[in-house]
Amino acid sequence: MKILTTFRVKTAIKEKLLEKYPNVNFCFKTAMKEAKEDLLDAEILITYGEDLNEQLIDTAKNLKWIMVLSAGMEKMPFQAIKEKGILVTNVRGIHKTPMAEYTIGMMLQVSRKTKQLIENEKNEIWDRSIQMIELFGKTITILGAGAIGTEIARLAKAFNMKTIGINRSGKPSEYIDEIYSVADIKPALKQGDFIVSVLPSTPETVHLLKEEHFAIMKNDAVFLNIGRGTVVAESVLMNALERNEIAHAVLDVFETEPLKEDHPFWRMENVTVTPHLSGLSALYQRRGFDIFEYNLEKYLKGENNYKNIIDLNRGY
């Protein structure tokens, strides 16, 4: 059995895999361009998902399982994968800790006026008139009440915040005080002092938030997007900010990445830009390979109760 990787795997992880599975042929490559020949007979592929296309899937004659070390897979050639009956799993859930911490950290930065304080410090300005805001008693509305959204809600409870969640079905979720379906999104948006989107990019979520949604948000609301930039057209968001329909936007994801140097978001005082790093962590690969090893044990035993099986029709 050949297991192929197409990214740089940490040395400690490689050594552990080689020791734990001596009868498996691990082929560690650092990019798809150097892995194409090995892909021809690989049975399992571990990838971040962005280096695959229909042609590569067609050449992978022996491929049975693709393990995607990412949660977002909008660039995957699902139709070609489906036609060949290849199993796809991912690492859904491993981002919850860093992304929830990022969310709370950014909410605190905006509330406690961190950017202004840093600027004042640089300019040696002693100004105690800056208006501070508490998270205590505020309402957070979370678009995408899955693993990440639930962890955000759990941490928000430490600040005595009211938690509102939005998911496809409206099914209750732990740490969420009120849950709404996507079809009934407006009442949830109206209540939010902080509105956080952790939604993936799917046909159902592209430009889900429109002008009418920002118009009903509180004027002092803070919008945070840590899911995918496609959930709202950038022109719609800029218009909402310019019309003061919301007070601030914290953006970690964008419709086009990297964000262009001359993009207005960089210069808008009521926007905080970060370079798609809310899910980054030194523990990222280790957590991802923990899920891979769990599924590999099932695979070797001929079992099929894998973690994080992807619905190839939905793409998630």
C-alpha atoms as a PDB file:
ATOM      1  CA  MET A   1       0.000   0.000   0.000  1.00  0.00           C
ATOM      2  CA  LYS A   2       1.366   3.397  -0.987  1.00  0.00           C
ATOM      3  CA  ILE A   3       0.337   6.530   0.916  1.00  0.00           C
ATOM      4  CA  LEU A   4       1.338   9.770  -0.780  1.00  0.00           C
ATOM      5  CA  THR A   5       1.565  13.280   0.696  1.00  0.00           C
ATOM      6  CA  THR A   6       1.800  16.488  -1.343  1.00  0.00           C
ATOM      7  CA  PHE A   7       2.919  18.974   1.302  1.00  0.00           C
ATOM      8  CA  ARG A   8       5.738  19.312   3.790  1.00  0.00           C
ATOM      9  CA  VAL A   9       4.971  16.985   6.709  1.00  0.00           C
ATOM     10  CA  LYS A  10       6.658  17.742  10.012  1.00  0.00           C
ATOM     11  CA  THR A  11       9.590  15.448  10.809  1.00  0.00           C
ATOM     12  CA  ALA A  12       8.155  14.216  14.107  1.00  0.00           C
ATOM     13  CA  ILE A  13       4.926  13.194  12.397  1.00  0.00           C
ATOM     14  CA  LYS A  14       6.760  11.372   9.601  1.00  0.00           C
ATOM     15  CA  GLU A  15       8.877   9.458  12.088  1.00  0.00           C
ATOM     16  CA  LYS A  16       5.825   8.441  14.098  1.00  0.00           C
ATOM     17  CA  LEU A  17       3.992   7.163  11.004  1.00  0.00           C
ATOM     18  CA  LEU A  18       7.007   5.193   9.767  1.00  0.00           C
ATOM     19  CA  GLU A  19       7.469   3.572  13.172  1.00  0.00           C
ATOM     20  CA  LYS A  20       3.786   2.840  13.757  1.00  0.00           C
ATOM     21  CA  TYR A  21       3.068   1.459  10.267  1.00  0.00           C
ATOM     22  CA  PRO A  22       6.218  -0.380   9.115  1.00  0.00           C
ATOM     23  CA  ASN A  23       4.316  -2.327   6.437  1.00  0.00           C
ATOM     24  CA  VAL A  24       2.961   0.778   4.740  1.00  0.00           C
ATOM     25  CA  ASN A  25       4.886   2.515   1.951  1.00  0.00           C
ATOM     26  CA  PHE A  26       4.807   6.205   2.838  1.00  0.00           C
ATOM     27  CA  CYS A  27       5.893   8.506   0.042  1.00  0.00           C
ATOM     28  CA  PHE A  28       6.444  11.987   1.468  1.00  0.00           C
ATOM     29  CA  LYS A  29       6.496  14.629  -1.261  1.00  0.00           C
ATOM     30  CA  THR A  30       6.319  18.360  -0.636  1.00  0.00           C
ATOM     31  CA  ALA A  31       4.295  19.434  -3.693  1.00  0.00           C
ATOM     32  CA  MET A  32       2.059  17.892  -6.330  1.00  0.00           C
ATOM     33  CA  LYS A  33       4.499  18.783  -9.121  1.00  0.00           C
ATOM     34  CA  GLU A  34       7.008  16.307  -7.666  1.00  0.00           C
ATOM     35  CA  ALA A  35       4.339  13.767  -6.688  1.00  0.00           C
ATOM     36  CA  LYS A  36       2.614  13.211 -10.049  1.00  0.00           C
ATOM     37  CA  GLU A  37       4.496  10.020 -10.879  1.00  0.00           C
ATOM     38  CA  ASP A  38       3.799   8.519  -7.446  1.00  0.00           C
ATOM     39  CA  LEU A  39       0.137   9.454  -7.751  1.00  0.00           C
ATOM     40  CA  LEU A  40      -0.197   6.936 -10.577  1.00  0.00           C
ATOM     41  CA  ASP A  41      -0.201   3.986  -8.155  1.00  0.00           C
ATOM     42  CA  ALA A  42      -0.922   5.597  -4.786  1.00  0.00           C
ATOM     43  CA  GLU A  43      -3.817   4.056  -2.868  1.00  0.00           C
ATOM     44  CA  ILE A  44      -4.184   6.901  -0.354  1.00  0.00           C
ATOM     45  CA  LEU A  45      -3.471  10.588  -0.933  1.00  0.00           C
ATOM     46  CA  ILE A  46      -3.008  13.138   1.860  1.00  0.00           C
ATOM     47  CA  THR A  47      -3.351  16.684   0.527  1.00  0.00           C
ATOM     48  CA  TYR A  48      -4.570  20.165   1.366  1.00  0.00           C
ATOM     49  CA  GLY A  49      -6.967  19.762  -1.563  1.00  0.00           C
ATOM     50  CA  GLU A  50      -6.015  22.780  -3.645  1.00  0.00           C
ATOM     51  CA  ASP A  51      -3.503  20.885  -5.801  1.00  0.00           C
ATOM     52  CA  LEU A  52      -5.978  18.472  -7.404  1.00  0.00           C
ATOM     53  CA  ASN A  53      -7.777  18.650 -10.743  1.00  0.00           C
ATOM     54  CA  GLU A  54      -9.759  16.304 -12.991  1.00  0.00           C
ATOM     55  CA  GLN A  55      -6.708  15.285 -14.996  1.00  0.00           C
ATOM     56  CA  LEU A  56      -4.774  14.204 -11.902  1.00  0.00           C
ATOM     57  CA  ILE A  57      -7.732  12.213 -10.591  1.00  0.00           C
ATOM     58  CA  ASP A  58      -7.992  10.481 -13.966  1.00  0.00           C
ATOM     59  CA  THR A  59      -4.330   9.401 -13.830  1.00  0.00           C
ATOM     60  CA  ALA A  60      -4.628   8.057 -10.270  1.00  0.00           C
ATOM     61  CA  LYS A  61      -5.627   4.544 -11.295  1.00  0.00           C
ATOM     62  CA  ASN A  62      -5.248   2.978  -7.842  1.00  0.00           C
ATOM     63  CA  LEU A  63      -6.552   5.809  -5.669  1.00  0.00           C
ATOM     64  CA  LYS A  64      -9.146   4.707  -3.098  1.00  0.00           C
ATOM     65  CA  TRP A  65      -9.067   7.438  -0.454  1.00  0.00           C
ATOM     66  CA  ILE A  66      -8.226  11.146  -0.327  1.00  0.00           C
ATOM     67  CA  MET A  67      -7.523  12.613   3.101  1.00  0.00           C
ATOM     68  CA  VAL A  68      -7.821  16.412   2.914  1.00  0.00           C
ATOM     69  CA  LEU A  69      -5.913  18.229   5.642  1.00  0.00           C
ATOM     70  CA  SER A  70      -8.302  21.151   5.410  1.00  0.00           C
ATOM     71  CA  ALA A  71     -11.940  21.890   6.171  1.00  0.00           C
ATOM     72  CA  GLY A  72     -12.605  24.059   3.104  1.00  0.00           C
ATOM     73  CA  MET A  73     -12.630  22.079  -0.133  1.00  0.00           C
ATOM     74  CA  GLU A  74     -14.307  24.322  -2.678  1.00  0.00           C
ATOM     75  CA  LYS A  75     -11.477  23.745  -5.206  1.00  0.00           C
ATOM     76  CA  MET A  76     -11.756  19.949  -5.162  1.00  0.00           C
ATOM     77  CA  PRO A  77     -12.806  18.223  -8.458  1.00  0.00           C
ATOM     78  CA  PHE A  78     -15.708  16.420  -6.789  1.00  0.00           C
ATOM     79  CA  GLN A  79     -17.414  15.226  -9.974  1.00  0.00           C
ATOM     80  CA  ALA A  80     -14.295  13.382 -11.153  1.00  0.00           C
ATOM     81  CA  ILE A  81     -13.769  11.966  -7.649  1.00  0.00           C
ATOM     82  CA  LYS A  82     -17.381  10.833  -7.467  1.00  0.00           C
ATOM     83  CA  GLU A  83     -17.193   9.090 -10.830  1.00  0.00           C
ATOM     84  CA  LYS A  84     -14.277   6.991  -9.599  1.00  0.00           C
ATOM     85  CA  GLY A  85     -15.924   6.211  -6.255  1.00  0.00           C
ATOM     86  CA  ILE A  86     -13.042   7.587  -4.174  1.00  0.00           C
ATOM     87  CA  LEU A  87     -13.555   8.076  -0.446  1.00  0.00           C
ATOM     88  CA  VAL A  88     -12.899  11.633   0.776  1.00  0.00           C
ATOM     89  CA  THR A  89     -12.416  12.640   4.406  1.00  0.00           C
ATOM     90  CA  ASN A  90     -11.191  15.868   5.954  1.00  0.00           C
ATOM     91  CA  VAL A  91     -10.123  17.405   9.256  1.00  0.00           C
ATOM     92  CA  ARG A  92     -13.365  19.129  10.175  1.00  0.00           C
ATOM     93  CA  GLY A  93     -13.252  20.159  13.820  1.00  0.00           C
ATOM     94  CA  ILE A  94      -9.508  20.717  14.290  1.00  0.00           C
ATOM     95  CA  HIS A  95      -9.850  24.449  13.650  1.00  0.00           C
ATOM     96  CA  LYS A  96     -12.261  25.045  16.485  1.00  0.00           C
ATOM     97  CA  THR A  97      -9.697  25.983  19.140  1.00  0.00           C
ATOM     98  CA  PRO A  98      -7.597  28.546  17.216  1.00  0.00           C
ATOM     99  CA  MET A  99     -10.589  30.027  15.397  1.00  0.00           C
ATOM    100  CA  ALA A 100     -12.633  30.411  18.565  1.00  0.00           C
ATOM    101  CA  GLU A 101      -9.686  32.042  20.342  1.00  0.00           C
ATOM    102  CA  TYR A 102      -9.177  34.363  17.363  1.00  0.00           C
ATOM    103  CA  THR A 103     -12.854  35.349  17.474  1.00  0.00           C
ATOM    104  CA  ILE A 104     -12.843  36.170  21.183  1.00  0.00           C
ATOM    105  CA  GLY A 105      -9.513  37.977  20.807  1.00  0.00           C
ATOM    106  CA  MET A 106     -10.818  40.173  17.992  1.00  0.00           C
ATOM    107  CA  MET A 107     -14.066  40.898  19.822  1.00  0.00           C
ATOM    108  CA  LEU A 108     -12.008  42.083  22.791  1.00  0.00           C
ATOM    109  CA  GLN A 109      -9.699  44.144  20.575  1.00  0.00           C
ATOM    110  CA  VAL A 110     -12.614  45.990  19.005  1.00  0.00           C
ATOM    111  CA  SER A 111     -14.467  46.417  22.304  1.00  0.00           C
ATOM    112  CA  ARG A 112     -11.421  47.621  24.232  1.00  0.00           C
ATOM    113  CA  LYS A 113     -10.235  49.850  21.356  1.00  0.00           C
ATOM    114  CA  THR A 114      -6.871  48.126  21.093  1.00  0.00           C
ATOM    115  CA  LYS A 115      -5.948  49.646  17.729  1.00  0.00           C
ATOM    116  CA  GLN A 116      -6.514  53.170  19.045  1.00  0.00           C
ATOM    117  CA  LEU A 117      -4.602  52.466  22.244  1.00  0.00           C
ATOM    118  CA  ILE A 118      -1.598  51.171  20.298  1.00  0.00           C
ATOM    119  CA  GLU A 119      -1.669  54.240  18.064  1.00  0.00           C
ATOM    120  CA  ASN A 120      -1.876  56.528  21.092  1.00  0.00           C
ATOM    121  CA  GLU A 121       1.031  54.732  22.714  1.00  0.00           C
ATOM    122  CA  LYS A 122       3.166  55.223  19.611  1.00  0.00           C
ATOM    123  CA  ASN A 123       2.369  58.931  19.643  1.00  0.00           C
ATOM    124  CA  GLU A 124       2.722  59.256  23.440  1.00  0.00           C
ATOM    125  CA  ILE A 125      -0.902  60.374  23.845  1.00  0.00           C
ATOM    126  CA  TRP A 126      -2.522  60.024  27.280  1.00  0.00           C
ATOM    127  CA  ASP A 127      -6.261  59.882  26.513  1.00  0.00           C
ATOM    128  CA  ARG A 128      -8.659  58.412  29.074  1.00  0.00           C
ATOM    129  CA  SER A 129     -11.775  59.522  27.167  1.00  0.00           C
ATOM    130  CA  ILE A 130     -11.743  56.491  24.873  1.00  0.00           C
ATOM    131  CA  GLN A 131     -15.053  54.657  25.255  1.00  0.00           C
ATOM    132  CA  MET A 132     -14.527  51.030  26.305  1.00  0.00           C
ATOM    133  CA  ILE A 133     -17.164  48.362  25.746  1.00  0.00           C
ATOM    134  CA  GLU A 134     -17.720  45.169  27.730  1.00  0.00           C
ATOM    135  CA  LEU A 135     -18.608  41.816  26.222  1.00  0.00           C
ATOM    136  CA  PHE A 136     -20.656  41.127  29.343  1.00  0.00           C
ATOM    137  CA  GLY A 137     -24.349  40.815  28.516  1.00  0.00           C
ATOM    138  CA  LYS A 138     -23.864  41.247  24.771  1.00  0.00           C
ATOM    139  CA  THR A 139     -25.363  38.945  22.151  1.00  0.00           C
ATOM    140  CA  ILE A 140     -23.267  36.991  19.675  1.00  0.00           C
ATOM    141  CA  THR A 141     -24.918  35.597  16.535  1.00  0.00           C
ATOM    142  CA  ILE A 142     -22.966  32.750  14.955  1.00  0.00           C
ATOM    143  CA  LEU A 143     -23.576  31.798  11.327  1.00  0.00           C
ATOM    144  CA  GLY A 144     -22.576  28.160  11.228  1.00  0.00           C
ATOM    145  CA  ALA A 145     -23.284  26.448  14.529  1.00  0.00           C
ATOM    146  CA  GLY A 146     -20.999  23.483  13.915  1.00  0.00           C
ATOM    147  CA  ALA A 147     -17.806  22.494  15.725  1.00  0.00           C
ATOM    148  CA  ILE A 148     -16.199  25.934  15.388  1.00  0.00           C
ATOM    149  CA  GLY A 149     -19.366  27.868  16.084  1.00  0.00           C
ATOM    150  CA  THR A 150     -20.138  25.790  19.142  1.00  0.00           C
ATOM    151  CA  GLU A 151     -16.648  26.376  20.545  1.00  0.00           C
ATOM    152  CA  ILE A 152     -17.044  30.120  19.981  1.00  0.00           C
ATOM    153  CA  ALA A 153     -20.335  29.963  21.875  1.00  0.00           C
ATOM    154  CA  ARG A 154     -18.715  28.014  24.725  1.00  0.00           C
ATOM    155  CA  LEU A 155     -16.018  30.646  25.182  1.00  0.00           C
ATOM    156  CA  ALA A 156     -18.557  33.469  24.841  1.00  0.00           C
ATOM    157  CA  LYS A 157     -20.410  32.033  27.822  1.00  0.00           C
ATOM    158  CA  ALA A 158     -17.383  32.877  29.977  1.00  0.00           C
ATOM    159  CA  PHE A 159     -18.252  36.532  29.289  1.00  0.00           C
ATOM    160  CA  ASN A 160     -21.924  35.997  30.126  1.00  0.00           C
ATOM    161  CA  MET A 161     -22.923  36.592  26.521  1.00  0.00           C
ATOM    162  CA  LYS A 162     -26.193  35.480  24.970  1.00  0.00           C
ATOM    163  CA  THR A 163     -25.486  33.039  22.136  1.00  0.00           C
ATOM    164  CA  ILE A 164     -27.551  32.697  18.979  1.00  0.00           C
ATOM    165  CA  GLY A 165     -26.735  30.148  16.296  1.00  0.00           C
ATOM    166  CA  ILE A 166     -27.723  29.653  12.665  1.00  0.00           C
ATOM    167  CA  ASN A 167     -27.506  26.349  10.823  1.00  0.00           C
ATOM    168  CA  ARG A 168     -29.259  24.637   7.923  1.00  0.00           C
ATOM    169  CA  SER A 169     -31.843  22.786   9.955  1.00  0.00           C
ATOM    170  CA  GLY A 170     -32.363  24.903  13.050  1.00  0.00           C
ATOM    171  CA  LYS A 171     -31.381  21.883  15.138  1.00  0.00           C
ATOM    172  CA  PRO A 172     -30.342  22.770  18.727  1.00  0.00           C
ATOM    173  CA  SER A 173     -26.636  22.903  19.535  1.00  0.00           C
ATOM    174  CA  GLU A 174     -24.712  22.894  22.809  1.00  0.00           C
ATOM    175  CA  TYR A 175     -23.924  26.314  24.336  1.00  0.00           C
ATOM    176  CA  ILE A 176     -26.360  27.989  21.921  1.00  0.00           C
ATOM    177  CA  ASP A 177     -29.254  29.757  23.669  1.00  0.00           C
ATOM    178  CA  GLU A 178     -31.343  30.217  20.532  1.00  0.00           C
ATOM    179  CA  ILE A 179     -31.012  28.460  17.185  1.00  0.00           C
ATOM    180  CA  TYR A 180     -32.420  29.513  13.818  1.00  0.00           C
ATOM    181  CA  SER A 181     -32.382  27.941  10.386  1.00  0.00           C
ATOM    182  CA  VAL A 182     -30.757  29.737   7.448  1.00  0.00           C
ATOM    183  CA  ALA A 183     -34.237  30.329   6.043  1.00  0.00           C
ATOM    184  CA  ASP A 184     -35.131  32.239   9.218  1.00  0.00           C
ATOM    185  CA  ILE A 185     -31.895  34.207   9.488  1.00  0.00           C
ATOM    186  CA  LYS A 186     -33.211  37.763   9.938  1.00  0.00           C
ATOM    187  CA  PRO A 187     -34.408  37.554  13.571  1.00  0.00           C
ATOM    188  CA  ALA A 188     -30.990  36.184  14.535  1.00  0.00           C
ATOM    189  CA  LEU A 189     -29.131  38.973  12.739  1.00  0.00           C
ATOM    190  CA  LYS A 190     -31.281  41.672  14.336  1.00  0.00           C
ATOM    191  CA  GLN A 191     -30.251  40.616  17.842  1.00  0.00           C
ATOM    192  CA  GLY A 192     -26.497  40.342  17.346  1.00  0.00           C
ATOM    193  CA  ASP A 193     -24.066  42.798  18.892  1.00  0.00           C
ATOM    194  CA  PHE A 194     -21.395  40.605  17.324  1.00  0.00           C
ATOM    195  CA  ILE A 195     -22.164  38.611  14.175  1.00  0.00           C
ATOM    196  CA  VAL A 196     -19.653  35.913  13.284  1.00  0.00           C
ATOM    197  CA  SER A 197     -19.673  33.935  10.051  1.00  0.00           C
ATOM    198  CA  VAL A 198     -17.876  30.596  10.036  1.00  0.00           C
ATOM    199  CA  LEU A 199     -19.743  29.355   6.974  1.00  0.00           C
ATOM    200  CA  PRO A 200     -17.893  27.347   4.300  1.00  0.00           C
ATOM    201  CA  SER A 201     -18.108  28.196   0.610  1.00  0.00           C
ATOM    202  CA  THR A 202     -20.935  26.212  -0.964  1.00  0.00           C
ATOM    203  CA  PRO A 203     -23.541  27.074  -3.611  1.00  0.00           C
ATOM    204  CA  GLU A 204     -25.976  27.771  -0.751  1.00  0.00           C
ATOM    205  CA  THR A 205     -23.677  30.208   1.093  1.00  0.00           C
ATOM    206  CA  VAL A 206     -22.234  32.272  -1.762  1.00  0.00           C
ATOM    207  CA  HIS A 207     -23.488  35.853  -1.224  1.00  0.00           C
ATOM    208  CA  LEU A 208     -25.917  34.626   1.419  1.00  0.00           C
ATOM    209  CA  LEU A 209     -25.695  37.983   3.208  1.00  0.00           C
ATOM    210  CA  LYS A 210     -27.192  40.778   1.158  1.00  0.00           C
ATOM    211  CA  GLU A 211     -27.849  44.491   1.624  1.00  0.00           C
ATOM    212  CA  GLU A 212     -31.162  43.781   3.343  1.00  0.00           C
ATOM    213  CA  HIS A 213     -29.397  41.736   6.014  1.00  0.00           C
ATOM    214  CA  PHE A 214     -26.899  44.458   6.928  1.00  0.00           C
ATOM    215  CA  ALA A 215     -29.709  47.015   6.927  1.00  0.00           C
ATOM    216  CA  ILE A 216     -31.457  45.200   9.790  1.00  0.00           C
ATOM    217  CA  MET A 217     -28.320  44.702  11.898  1.00  0.00           C
ATOM    218  CA  LYS A 218     -27.680  46.997  14.850  1.00  0.00           C
ATOM    219  CA  ASN A 219     -25.796  50.154  13.896  1.00  0.00           C
ATOM    220  CA  ASP A 220     -23.207  49.390  16.578  1.00  0.00           C
ATOM    221  CA  ALA A 221     -22.861  45.723  15.585  1.00  0.00           C
ATOM    222  CA  VAL A 222     -19.485  44.194  14.752  1.00  0.00           C
ATOM    223  CA  PHE A 223     -19.330  41.729  11.835  1.00  0.00           C
ATOM    224  CA  LEU A 224     -16.565  39.104  11.854  1.00  0.00           C
ATOM    225  CA  ASN A 225     -15.917  36.783   8.910  1.00  0.00           C
ATOM    226  CA  ILE A 226     -13.623  33.833   9.554  1.00  0.00           C
ATOM    227  CA  GLY A 227     -15.325  31.302   7.267  1.00  0.00           C
ATOM    228  CA  ARG A 228     -15.125  32.184   3.584  1.00  0.00           C
ATOM    229  CA  GLY A 229     -15.109  35.591   1.913  1.00  0.00           C
ATOM    230  CA  THR A 230     -17.796  34.558  -0.552  1.00  0.00           C
ATOM    231  CA  VAL A 231     -20.550  34.737   2.088  1.00  0.00           C
ATOM    232  CA  VAL A 232     -20.970  38.431   1.226  1.00  0.00           C
ATOM    233  CA  ALA A 233     -20.080  40.477  -1.837  1.00  0.00           C
ATOM    234  CA  GLU A 234     -17.343  42.926  -0.879  1.00  0.00           C
ATOM    235  CA  SER A 235     -19.268  45.812  -2.465  1.00  0.00           C
ATOM    236  CA  VAL A 236     -22.257  45.023  -0.245  1.00  0.00           C
ATOM    237  CA  LEU A 237     -20.091  44.980   2.875  1.00  0.00           C
ATOM    238  CA  MET A 238     -18.305  48.208   1.958  1.00  0.00           C
ATOM    239  CA  ASN A 239     -21.619  49.950   1.362  1.00  0.00           C
ATOM    240  CA  ALA A 240     -22.911  48.795   4.756  1.00  0.00           C
ATOM    241  CA  LEU A 241     -19.774  50.137   6.460  1.00  0.00           C
ATOM    242  CA  GLU A 242     -19.877  53.436   4.591  1.00  0.00           C
ATOM    243  CA  ARG A 243     -23.563  53.896   5.496  1.00  0.00           C
ATOM    244  CA  ASN A 244     -22.779  53.064   9.146  1.00  0.00           C
ATOM    245  CA  GLU A 245     -25.262  50.202   9.110  1.00  0.00           C
ATOM    246  CA  ILE A 246     -22.688  48.353  11.213  1.00  0.00           C
ATOM    247  CA  ALA A 247     -19.885  49.772  13.337  1.00  0.00           C
ATOM    248  CA  HIS A 248     -16.929  47.553  12.421  1.00  0.00           C
ATOM    249  CA  ALA A 249     -15.888  44.521  10.363  1.00  0.00           C
ATOM    250  CA  VAL A 250     -13.129  42.079  11.260  1.00  0.00           C
ATOM    251  CA  LEU A 251     -12.184  40.224   8.084  1.00  0.00           C
ATOM    252  CA  ASP A 252      -9.880  37.221   7.935  1.00  0.00           C
ATOM    253  CA  VAL A 253     -11.178  35.924   4.584  1.00  0.00           C
ATOM    254  CA  PHE A 254     -11.915  37.617   1.270  1.00  0.00           C
ATOM    255  CA  GLU A 255     -13.463  36.895  -2.105  1.00  0.00           C
ATOM    256  CA  THR A 256     -10.000  37.165  -3.673  1.00  0.00           C
ATOM    257  CA  GLU A 257      -6.886  36.297  -1.699  1.00  0.00           C
ATOM    258  CA  PRO A 258      -4.419  37.681  -0.993  1.00  0.00           C
ATOM    259  CA  LEU A 259      -6.208  41.000  -0.586  1.00  0.00           C
ATOM    260  CA  LYS A 260      -4.828  43.478  -3.123  1.00  0.00           C
ATOM    261  CA  GLU A 261      -2.536  46.189  -1.769  1.00  0.00           C
ATOM    262  CA  ASP A 262      -4.800  48.993  -2.983  1.00  0.00           C
ATOM    263  CA  HIS A 263      -8.043  47.472  -1.706  1.00  0.00           C
ATOM    264  CA  PRO A 264     -10.207  49.958   0.270  1.00  0.00           C
ATOM    265  CA  PHE A 265     -10.463  47.559   3.214  1.00  0.00           C
ATOM    266  CA  TRP A 266      -6.839  48.306   4.117  1.00  0.00           C
ATOM    267  CA  ARG A 267      -7.593  51.991   4.577  1.00  0.00           C
ATOM    268  CA  MET A 268     -11.041  51.890   6.205  1.00  0.00           C
ATOM    269  CA  GLU A 269     -10.841  52.811   9.890  1.00  0.00           C
ATOM    270  CA  ASN A 270     -13.835  50.603  10.719  1.00  0.00           C
ATOM    271  CA  VAL A 271     -12.256  47.489   9.193  1.00  0.00           C
ATOM    272  CA  THR A 272      -9.668  45.142  10.691  1.00  0.00           C
ATOM    273  CA  VAL A 273      -7.858  42.993   8.114  1.00  0.00           C
ATOM    274  CA  THR A 274      -5.970  39.792   8.905  1.00  0.00           C
ATOM    275  CA  PRO A 275      -4.434  37.455   6.272  1.00  0.00           C
ATOM    276  CA  HIS A 276      -6.571  34.282   6.572  1.00  0.00           C
ATOM    277  CA  LEU A 277      -4.820  33.008   9.676  1.00  0.00           C
ATOM    278  CA  SER A 278      -7.598  32.503  12.224  1.00  0.00           C
ATOM    279  CA  GLY A 279      -7.264  28.725  11.918  1.00  0.00           C
ATOM    280  CA  LEU A 280      -3.479  28.569  12.052  1.00  0.00           C
ATOM    281  CA  SER A 281      -1.804  26.800  14.936  1.00  0.00           C
ATOM    282  CA  ALA A 282       1.455  25.012  15.665  1.00  0.00           C
ATOM    283  CA  LEU A 283      -0.736  22.010  16.484  1.00  0.00           C
ATOM    284  CA  TYR A 284      -2.550  22.021  13.125  1.00  0.00           C
ATOM    285  CA  GLN A 285      -0.762  19.106  11.448  1.00  0.00           C
ATOM    286  CA  ARG A 286      -0.695  17.001  14.604  1.00  0.00           C
ATOM    287  CA  ARG A 287      -4.441  17.336  15.044  1.00  0.00           C
ATOM    288  CA  GLY A 288      -5.020  16.604  11.370  1.00  0.00           C
ATOM    289  CA  PHE A 289      -2.884  13.478  11.388  1.00  0.00           C
ATOM    290  CA  ASP A 290      -4.619  12.256  14.547  1.00  0.00           C
ATOM    291  CA  ILE A 291      -7.821  12.089  12.487  1.00  0.00           C
ATOM    292  CA  PHE A 292      -5.926  10.471   9.612  1.00  0.00           C
ATOM    293  CA  GLU A 293      -4.481   7.777  11.867  1.00  0.00           C
ATOM    294  CA  TYR A 294      -7.917   7.040  13.338  1.00  0.00           C
ATOM    295  CA  ASN A 295      -9.313   6.568   9.836  1.00  0.00           C
ATOM    296  CA  LEU A 296      -6.275   4.602   8.658  1.00  0.00           C
ATOM    297  CA  GLU A 297      -6.859   2.061  11.441  1.00  0.00           C
ATOM    298  CA  LYS A 298     -10.432   1.654  10.187  1.00  0.00           C
ATOM    299  CA  TYR A 299      -9.239   1.410   6.588  1.00  0.00           C
ATOM    300  CA  LEU A 300      -6.666  -1.290   7.360  1.00  0.00           C
ATOM    301  CA  LYS A 301      -9.312  -3.322   9.200  1.00  0.00           C
ATOM    302  CA  GLY A 302     -11.790  -3.026   6.344  1.00  0.00           C
ATOM    303  CA  GLU A 303     -14.204  -1.008   8.476  1.00  0.00           C
ATOM    304  CA  ASN A 304     -16.085   1.982   7.123  1.00  0.00           C
ATOM    305  CA  ASN A 305     -17.038   4.037  10.177  1.00  0.00           C
ATOM    306  CA  TYR A 306     -14.619   6.848   9.323  1.00  0.00           C
ATOM    307  CA  LYS A 307     -14.533  10.319  10.838  1.00  0.00           C
ATOM    308  CA  ASN A 308     -15.450  13.282   8.655  1.00  0.00           C
ATOM    309  CA  ILE A 309     -16.671  11.518   5.509  1.00  0.00           C
ATOM    310  CA  ILE A 310     -17.436  14.107   2.821  1.00  0.00           C
ATOM    311  CA  ASP A 311     -20.719  14.030   0.925  1.00  0.00           C
ATOM    312  CA  LEU A 312     -19.437  14.285  -2.655  1.00  0.00           C
ATOM    313  CA  ASN A 313     -22.722  15.737  -3.861  1.00  0.00           C
ATOM    314  CA  ARG A 314     -22.647  18.584  -1.364  1.00  0.00           C
ATOM    315  CA  GLY A 315     -18.889  19.059  -1.213  1.00  0.00           C
ATOM    316  CA  TYR A 316     -18.741  19.069   2.597  1.00  0.00           C
END
